[in-house]
Amino acid sequence: MAEKKKNWIKGAIKHPGALKAKAEAAGETTKEFASKHAGDSGKTGAQSRLAETLMGMSHKRTDRQKRLYSRTKG
């Protein structure tokens, strides 16, 4: 069951890069395009809502990043 929770994003993304291609064709950033089309029905709306969800998630820091950012600057 832990694997299902871990890989839900992989299963949710059916066509990687599709939303970005639509945004570039419209001359907008992915974030602008997703916020405009989040209320749409169909594939574009679903892709936009998922994109907004993923953009709002925080990224885990790797051990190397933790070491780099924990140093004090003096």
N, C-alpha and C. Protein backbone atom coordinates (compact mmCIF):
# COMPACT_ATOMS: atom_id res chain seq x y z
N MET A 1 0.82 -1.19 0.00
CA MET A 1 0.00 0.00 0.00
C MET A 1 0.87 1.25 0.00
N ALA A 2 2.05 1.20 0.58
CA ALA A 2 2.93 2.36 0.61
C ALA A 2 3.35 2.77 -0.79
N GLU A 3 3.51 1.81 -1.67
CA GLU A 3 3.89 2.13 -3.05
C GLU A 3 2.79 2.88 -3.77
N LYS A 4 1.54 2.57 -3.49
CA LYS A 4 0.43 3.27 -4.13
C LYS A 4 0.45 4.74 -3.76
N LYS A 5 0.65 5.04 -2.48
CA LYS A 5 0.69 6.42 -2.04
C LYS A 5 1.90 7.14 -2.61
N LYS A 6 3.00 6.46 -2.72
CA LYS A 6 4.24 7.06 -3.16
C LYS A 6 4.18 7.47 -4.63
N ASN A 7 3.51 6.69 -5.46
CA ASN A 7 3.53 6.92 -6.90
C ASN A 7 2.22 7.46 -7.46
N TRP A 8 1.42 8.14 -6.68
CA TRP A 8 0.13 8.61 -7.20
C TRP A 8 0.33 9.69 -8.27
N ILE A 9 1.40 10.45 -8.16
CA ILE A 9 1.65 11.50 -9.15
C ILE A 9 1.98 10.88 -10.49
N LYS A 10 2.79 9.84 -10.47
CA LYS A 10 3.17 9.16 -11.71
C LYS A 10 1.94 8.62 -12.44
N GLY A 11 0.97 8.11 -11.72
CA GLY A 11 -0.24 7.60 -12.32
C GLY A 11 -1.19 8.69 -12.78
N ALA A 12 -1.09 9.87 -12.16
CA ALA A 12 -1.99 10.96 -12.49
C ALA A 12 -1.58 11.70 -13.77
N ILE A 13 -0.29 11.66 -14.07
CA ILE A 13 0.20 12.37 -15.26
C ILE A 13 0.18 11.41 -16.44
N LYS A 14 -0.81 11.61 -17.31
CA LYS A 14 -0.99 10.71 -18.46
C LYS A 14 -0.12 11.09 -19.65
N HIS A 15 0.01 12.39 -19.91
CA HIS A 15 0.76 12.89 -21.06
C HIS A 15 1.74 13.97 -20.60
N PRO A 16 2.94 13.56 -20.17
CA PRO A 16 3.89 14.55 -19.67
C PRO A 16 4.22 15.61 -20.72
N GLY A 17 4.19 16.85 -20.32
CA GLY A 17 4.54 17.95 -21.21
C GLY A 17 3.39 18.49 -22.04
N ALA A 18 2.22 17.87 -21.98
CA ALA A 18 1.10 18.31 -22.81
C ALA A 18 0.61 19.69 -22.40
N LEU A 19 0.49 19.94 -21.12
CA LEU A 19 0.02 21.25 -20.66
C LEU A 19 1.03 22.34 -20.99
N LYS A 20 2.30 22.03 -20.86
CA LYS A 20 3.35 23.00 -21.17
C LYS A 20 3.30 23.36 -22.66
N ALA A 21 3.08 22.37 -23.50
CA ALA A 21 2.99 22.62 -24.94
C ALA A 21 1.79 23.52 -25.26
N LYS A 22 0.67 23.28 -24.58
CA LYS A 22 -0.51 24.13 -24.79
C LYS A 22 -0.24 25.55 -24.32
N ALA A 23 0.46 25.70 -23.20
CA ALA A 23 0.78 27.02 -22.65
C ALA A 23 1.72 27.77 -23.59
N GLU A 24 2.72 27.09 -24.11
CA GLU A 24 3.66 27.74 -25.02
C GLU A 24 2.97 28.15 -26.32
N ALA A 25 2.04 27.33 -26.80
CA ALA A 25 1.29 27.67 -28.00
C ALA A 25 0.43 28.91 -27.78
N ALA A 26 -0.04 29.10 -26.54
CA ALA A 26 -0.85 30.27 -26.21
C ALA A 26 0.00 31.48 -25.84
N GLY A 27 1.33 31.28 -25.76
CA GLY A 27 2.23 32.38 -25.41
C GLY A 27 2.20 32.74 -23.95
N GLU A 28 1.95 31.78 -23.08
CA GLU A 28 1.86 32.03 -21.64
C GLU A 28 2.77 31.07 -20.90
N THR A 29 3.02 31.38 -19.63
CA THR A 29 3.75 30.44 -18.80
C THR A 29 2.78 29.33 -18.38
N THR A 30 3.32 28.25 -17.90
CA THR A 30 2.48 27.14 -17.46
C THR A 30 1.58 27.56 -16.32
N LYS A 31 2.12 28.35 -15.40
CA LYS A 31 1.34 28.78 -14.24
C LYS A 31 0.18 29.69 -14.66
N GLU A 32 0.42 30.63 -15.57
CA GLU A 32 -0.64 31.51 -16.06
C GLU A 32 -1.72 30.71 -16.78
N PHE A 33 -1.29 29.80 -17.64
CA PHE A 33 -2.23 28.99 -18.41
C PHE A 33 -3.07 28.12 -17.49
N ALA A 34 -2.42 27.50 -16.49
CA ALA A 34 -3.14 26.62 -15.57
C ALA A 34 -4.17 27.40 -14.75
N SER A 35 -3.81 28.61 -14.30
CA SER A 35 -4.76 29.37 -13.50
C SER A 35 -5.95 29.85 -14.33
N LYS A 36 -5.73 30.15 -15.62
CA LYS A 36 -6.82 30.57 -16.49
C LYS A 36 -7.79 29.44 -16.79
N HIS A 37 -7.27 28.23 -16.96
CA HIS A 37 -8.07 27.12 -17.44
C HIS A 37 -8.44 26.10 -16.35
N ALA A 38 -8.20 26.43 -15.10
CA ALA A 38 -8.51 25.50 -14.00
C ALA A 38 -10.00 25.21 -13.90
N GLY A 39 -10.84 26.13 -14.30
CA GLY A 39 -12.28 25.94 -14.21
C GLY A 39 -12.89 25.27 -15.42
N ASP A 40 -12.06 25.02 -16.44
CA ASP A 40 -12.57 24.39 -17.66
C ASP A 40 -12.92 22.92 -17.41
N SER A 41 -13.84 22.41 -18.23
CA SER A 41 -14.13 20.99 -18.15
C SER A 41 -13.26 20.29 -19.19
N GLY A 42 -13.16 19.00 -19.10
CA GLY A 42 -12.38 18.24 -20.07
C GLY A 42 -10.93 18.08 -19.65
N LYS A 43 -10.11 17.64 -20.60
CA LYS A 43 -8.71 17.32 -20.31
C LYS A 43 -7.90 18.54 -19.89
N THR A 44 -8.09 19.64 -20.58
CA THR A 44 -7.30 20.83 -20.26
C THR A 44 -7.59 21.31 -18.83
N GLY A 45 -8.84 21.28 -18.43
CA GLY A 45 -9.19 21.68 -17.07
C GLY A 45 -8.59 20.74 -16.03
N ALA A 46 -8.65 19.45 -16.31
CA ALA A 46 -8.08 18.47 -15.38
C ALA A 46 -6.57 18.62 -15.29
N GLN A 47 -5.92 18.83 -16.43
CA GLN A 47 -4.48 19.03 -16.44
C GLN A 47 -4.11 20.29 -15.67
N SER A 48 -4.90 21.34 -15.83
CA SER A 48 -4.64 22.60 -15.16
C SER A 48 -4.79 22.48 -13.65
N ARG A 49 -5.84 21.79 -13.22
CA ARG A 49 -6.05 21.61 -11.78
C ARG A 49 -4.93 20.77 -11.17
N LEU A 50 -4.50 19.73 -11.87
CA LEU A 50 -3.40 18.90 -11.37
C LEU A 50 -2.11 19.73 -11.32
N ALA A 51 -1.88 20.53 -12.34
CA ALA A 51 -0.68 21.37 -12.37
C ALA A 51 -0.66 22.34 -11.20
N GLU A 52 -1.79 22.95 -10.90
CA GLU A 52 -1.85 23.86 -9.76
C GLU A 52 -1.59 23.13 -8.45
N THR A 53 -2.10 21.93 -8.34
CA THR A 53 -1.86 21.13 -7.14
C THR A 53 -0.38 20.82 -6.99
N LEU A 54 0.24 20.39 -8.08
CA LEU A 54 1.66 20.03 -8.03
C LEU A 54 2.55 21.24 -7.81
N MET A 55 2.19 22.38 -8.36
CA MET A 55 2.97 23.60 -8.16
C MET A 55 2.92 24.05 -6.70
N GLY A 56 1.83 23.74 -6.02
CA GLY A 56 1.69 24.15 -4.63
C GLY A 56 2.37 23.23 -3.64
N MET A 57 2.80 22.07 -4.10
CA MET A 57 3.45 21.13 -3.19
C MET A 57 4.89 21.55 -2.94
N SER A 58 5.37 21.28 -1.74
CA SER A 58 6.77 21.59 -1.45
C SER A 58 7.64 20.40 -1.86
N HIS A 59 8.86 20.70 -2.19
CA HIS A 59 9.80 19.67 -2.61
C HIS A 59 10.64 19.25 -1.41
N LYS A 60 10.93 17.97 -1.34
CA LYS A 60 11.80 17.50 -0.27
C LYS A 60 13.23 17.88 -0.59
N ARG A 61 13.96 18.28 0.41
CA ARG A 61 15.36 18.61 0.22
C ARG A 61 16.19 17.34 0.36
N THR A 62 17.20 17.20 -0.47
CA THR A 62 18.11 16.07 -0.35
C THR A 62 19.06 16.33 0.80
N ASP A 63 19.80 15.32 1.20
CA ASP A 63 20.76 15.49 2.29
C ASP A 63 21.81 16.53 1.93
N ARG A 64 22.23 16.54 0.66
CA ARG A 64 23.24 17.51 0.24
C ARG A 64 22.69 18.93 0.35
N GLN A 65 21.46 19.14 -0.05
CA GLN A 65 20.86 20.46 0.05
C GLN A 65 20.72 20.89 1.50
N LYS A 66 20.38 19.95 2.37
CA LYS A 66 20.25 20.28 3.79
C LYS A 66 21.58 20.76 4.35
N ARG A 67 22.67 20.07 3.95
CA ARG A 67 23.99 20.46 4.44
C ARG A 67 24.37 21.85 3.92
N LEU A 68 24.08 22.11 2.65
CA LEU A 68 24.44 23.39 2.06
C LEU A 68 23.68 24.54 2.70
N TYR A 69 22.39 24.36 2.94
CA TYR A 69 21.57 25.43 3.46
C TYR A 69 21.68 25.58 4.98
N SER A 70 22.23 24.60 5.67
CA SER A 70 22.33 24.69 7.11
C SER A 70 23.59 25.45 7.55
N ARG A 71 24.52 25.66 6.62
CA ARG A 71 25.74 26.39 6.98
C ARG A 71 25.41 27.86 7.25
N THR A 72 26.09 28.38 8.24
CA THR A 72 25.87 29.80 8.54
C THR A 72 26.84 30.62 7.73
N LYS A 73 26.34 31.74 7.25
CA LYS A 73 27.21 32.63 6.48
C LYS A 73 27.76 33.68 7.42
N GLY A 74 29.07 33.82 7.37
CA GLY A 74 29.65 34.77 8.33
C GLY A 74 30.73 35.52 7.76
